[in-house]
Amino acid sequence: MKLYRSKQYPNRWFANSQATGWVMFPVEADGWRKRERARGIDPIDIREVPVQLAVEAGIPAGADLPEAA
């Protein structure tokens, strides 16, 4: 799983993995539970950041999610 931030949406995390596809979720405690599909993401506007930054938001850290078959 890779984690991203956007200057255009400072209150959102963006994540991408084979298992989840592109998702976004709030920058708040347990924000991962409120994740939803991210659409219209412009790669120019996002930057990859360490997954550990979103641990408080509940993102699975330290291990990738299982890949979709």
N, C-alpha and C. Protein backbone atom coordinates (compact mmCIF):
# COMPACT_ATOMS: atom_id res chain seq x y z
N MET A 1 0.84 -1.17 0.00
CA MET A 1 0.00 0.00 0.00
C MET A 1 0.89 1.23 0.00
N LYS A 2 0.47 2.22 -0.76
CA LYS A 2 1.18 3.50 -0.81
C LYS A 2 0.23 4.59 -0.35
N LEU A 3 0.78 5.56 0.36
CA LEU A 3 0.00 6.66 0.92
C LEU A 3 0.42 7.97 0.26
N TYR A 4 -0.56 8.84 0.04
CA TYR A 4 -0.30 10.11 -0.64
C TYR A 4 -1.02 11.25 0.05
N ARG A 5 -0.51 12.47 -0.15
CA ARG A 5 -1.15 13.71 0.32
C ARG A 5 -1.30 14.63 -0.88
N SER A 6 -2.28 15.51 -0.79
CA SER A 6 -2.54 16.49 -1.84
C SER A 6 -2.66 17.87 -1.21
N LYS A 7 -2.04 18.87 -1.81
CA LYS A 7 -2.18 20.24 -1.33
C LYS A 7 -3.60 20.74 -1.57
N GLN A 8 -4.27 20.20 -2.57
CA GLN A 8 -5.64 20.64 -2.87
C GLN A 8 -6.65 20.10 -1.86
N TYR A 9 -6.33 18.97 -1.23
CA TYR A 9 -7.24 18.35 -0.27
C TYR A 9 -6.46 18.02 1.01
N PRO A 10 -6.11 19.04 1.80
CA PRO A 10 -5.26 18.82 2.97
C PRO A 10 -5.93 18.02 4.09
N ASN A 11 -7.23 17.86 4.04
CA ASN A 11 -7.94 17.10 5.08
C ASN A 11 -8.20 15.66 4.68
N ARG A 12 -7.54 15.20 3.62
CA ARG A 12 -7.72 13.84 3.12
C ARG A 12 -6.39 13.15 2.92
N TRP A 13 -6.38 11.86 3.23
CA TRP A 13 -5.30 10.96 2.83
C TRP A 13 -5.77 10.26 1.57
N PHE A 14 -4.84 9.89 0.71
CA PHE A 14 -5.13 9.07 -0.46
C PHE A 14 -4.23 7.84 -0.36
N ALA A 15 -4.79 6.68 -0.68
CA ALA A 15 -4.02 5.45 -0.62
C ALA A 15 -4.32 4.61 -1.85
N ASN A 16 -3.36 3.78 -2.21
CA ASN A 16 -3.54 2.90 -3.36
C ASN A 16 -2.85 1.58 -3.09
N SER A 17 -3.56 0.50 -3.38
CA SER A 17 -2.98 -0.84 -3.33
C SER A 17 -3.75 -1.71 -4.30
N GLN A 18 -3.22 -2.86 -4.59
CA GLN A 18 -3.91 -3.81 -5.46
C GLN A 18 -5.23 -4.23 -4.85
N ALA A 19 -5.28 -4.36 -3.53
CA ALA A 19 -6.49 -4.83 -2.84
C ALA A 19 -7.58 -3.77 -2.77
N THR A 20 -7.19 -2.49 -2.60
CA THR A 20 -8.19 -1.44 -2.40
C THR A 20 -8.42 -0.57 -3.62
N GLY A 21 -7.46 -0.53 -4.53
CA GLY A 21 -7.52 0.47 -5.59
C GLY A 21 -7.25 1.84 -4.95
N TRP A 22 -7.68 2.90 -5.60
CA TRP A 22 -7.50 4.25 -5.05
C TRP A 22 -8.62 4.54 -4.08
N VAL A 23 -8.27 4.90 -2.86
CA VAL A 23 -9.24 5.31 -1.85
C VAL A 23 -8.80 6.61 -1.21
N MET A 24 -9.75 7.32 -0.62
CA MET A 24 -9.43 8.52 0.15
C MET A 24 -10.16 8.41 1.48
N PHE A 25 -9.58 9.04 2.50
CA PHE A 25 -10.18 9.00 3.82
C PHE A 25 -9.74 10.21 4.62
N PRO A 26 -10.55 10.61 5.61
CA PRO A 26 -10.24 11.83 6.36
C PRO A 26 -8.98 11.71 7.21
N VAL A 27 -8.33 12.84 7.40
CA VAL A 27 -7.17 12.93 8.28
C VAL A 27 -7.72 13.13 9.69
N GLU A 28 -8.10 12.03 10.32
CA GLU A 28 -8.65 12.04 11.68
C GLU A 28 -8.53 10.64 12.26
N ALA A 29 -8.70 10.53 13.55
CA ALA A 29 -8.64 9.21 14.20
C ALA A 29 -9.71 8.31 13.58
N ASP A 30 -9.32 7.10 13.24
CA ASP A 30 -10.18 6.11 12.59
C ASP A 30 -10.76 6.57 11.25
N GLY A 31 -10.09 7.49 10.60
CA GLY A 31 -10.55 7.95 9.28
C GLY A 31 -10.59 6.83 8.25
N TRP A 32 -9.74 5.81 8.42
CA TRP A 32 -9.71 4.67 7.49
C TRP A 32 -11.07 4.00 7.39
N ARG A 33 -11.82 3.98 8.49
CA ARG A 33 -13.16 3.37 8.48
C ARG A 33 -14.13 4.14 7.58
N LYS A 34 -13.81 5.39 7.28
CA LYS A 34 -14.68 6.24 6.45
C LYS A 34 -14.16 6.33 5.01
N ARG A 35 -13.25 5.43 4.67
CA ARG A 35 -12.66 5.51 3.33
C ARG A 35 -13.72 5.29 2.26
N GLU A 36 -13.44 5.89 1.12
CA GLU A 36 -14.31 5.75 -0.05
C GLU A 36 -13.45 5.79 -1.30
N ARG A 37 -14.01 5.33 -2.38
CA ARG A 37 -13.27 5.32 -3.64
C ARG A 37 -12.85 6.74 -4.01
N ALA A 38 -11.63 6.89 -4.44
CA ALA A 38 -11.13 8.18 -4.90
C ALA A 38 -11.25 8.22 -6.41
N ARG A 39 -11.81 9.31 -6.90
CA ARG A 39 -11.98 9.47 -8.35
C ARG A 39 -11.37 10.79 -8.79
N GLY A 40 -10.91 10.82 -10.01
CA GLY A 40 -10.40 12.06 -10.58
C GLY A 40 -9.11 12.56 -9.95
N ILE A 41 -8.29 11.65 -9.48
CA ILE A 41 -7.02 12.04 -8.86
C ILE A 41 -6.03 12.44 -9.96
N ASP A 42 -5.45 13.60 -9.81
CA ASP A 42 -4.42 14.05 -10.74
C ASP A 42 -3.06 13.75 -10.13
N PRO A 43 -2.28 12.86 -10.75
CA PRO A 43 -0.98 12.48 -10.19
C PRO A 43 -0.03 13.66 -9.96
N ILE A 44 -0.25 14.75 -10.66
CA ILE A 44 0.60 15.94 -10.48
C ILE A 44 0.34 16.59 -9.12
N ASP A 45 -0.86 16.40 -8.59
CA ASP A 45 -1.26 17.06 -7.35
C ASP A 45 -1.00 16.25 -6.08
N ILE A 46 -0.52 15.03 -6.21
CA ILE A 46 -0.29 14.20 -5.02
C ILE A 46 1.18 13.84 -4.88
N ARG A 47 1.58 13.62 -3.64
CA ARG A 47 2.96 13.22 -3.35
C ARG A 47 2.93 12.03 -2.40
N GLU A 48 3.76 11.04 -2.67
CA GLU A 48 3.83 9.87 -1.80
C GLU A 48 4.49 10.25 -0.48
N VAL A 49 3.91 9.72 0.61
CA VAL A 49 4.43 9.94 1.96
C VAL A 49 4.48 8.59 2.67
N PRO A 50 5.24 8.47 3.77
CA PRO A 50 5.31 7.19 4.48
C PRO A 50 3.94 6.77 5.04
N VAL A 51 3.60 5.51 4.88
CA VAL A 51 2.32 4.98 5.37
C VAL A 51 2.17 5.20 6.87
N GLN A 52 3.26 5.19 7.60
CA GLN A 52 3.21 5.35 9.05
C GLN A 52 2.58 6.67 9.48
N LEU A 53 2.57 7.67 8.60
CA LEU A 53 1.97 8.96 8.94
C LEU A 53 0.46 8.84 9.19
N ALA A 54 -0.18 7.82 8.62
CA ALA A 54 -1.64 7.68 8.75
C ALA A 54 -2.04 6.59 9.73
N VAL A 55 -1.12 6.12 10.56
CA VAL A 55 -1.45 5.05 11.51
C VAL A 55 -2.58 5.47 12.45
N GLU A 56 -2.55 6.71 12.92
CA GLU A 56 -3.61 7.19 13.82
C GLU A 56 -4.97 7.19 13.13
N ALA A 57 -4.97 7.34 11.82
CA ALA A 57 -6.23 7.31 11.06
C ALA A 57 -6.71 5.88 10.85
N GLY A 58 -5.91 4.90 11.27
CA GLY A 58 -6.33 3.51 11.20
C GLY A 58 -5.89 2.75 9.97
N ILE A 59 -5.04 3.35 9.14
CA ILE A 59 -4.56 2.65 7.94
C ILE A 59 -3.72 1.45 8.38
N PRO A 60 -3.86 0.31 7.71
CA PRO A 60 -3.04 -0.85 8.06
C PRO A 60 -1.56 -0.52 7.78
N ALA A 61 -0.76 -0.47 8.82
CA ALA A 61 0.66 -0.11 8.67
C ALA A 61 1.54 -1.30 8.95
N GLY A 62 2.73 -1.28 8.37
CA GLY A 62 3.70 -2.33 8.63
C GLY A 62 3.52 -3.56 7.78
N ALA A 63 2.39 -3.68 7.12
CA ALA A 63 2.14 -4.85 6.26
C ALA A 63 1.19 -4.42 5.16
N ASP A 64 1.44 -4.91 3.98
CA ASP A 64 0.53 -4.64 2.87
C ASP A 64 -0.76 -5.42 3.06
N LEU A 65 -1.82 -4.88 2.54
CA LEU A 65 -3.08 -5.63 2.54
C LEU A 65 -2.97 -6.76 1.55
N PRO A 66 -3.74 -7.82 1.72
CA PRO A 66 -3.69 -8.91 0.75
C PRO A 66 -4.07 -8.42 -0.63
N GLU A 67 -3.38 -8.91 -1.62
CA GLU A 67 -3.68 -8.50 -2.99
C GLU A 67 -4.91 -9.23 -3.49
N ALA A 68 -5.65 -8.56 -4.33
CA ALA A 68 -6.84 -9.17 -4.93
C ALA A 68 -6.41 -10.27 -5.89
N ALA A 69 -7.17 -11.31 -5.95
CA ALA A 69 -6.83 -12.45 -6.83
C ALA A 69 -7.19 -12.15 -8.26
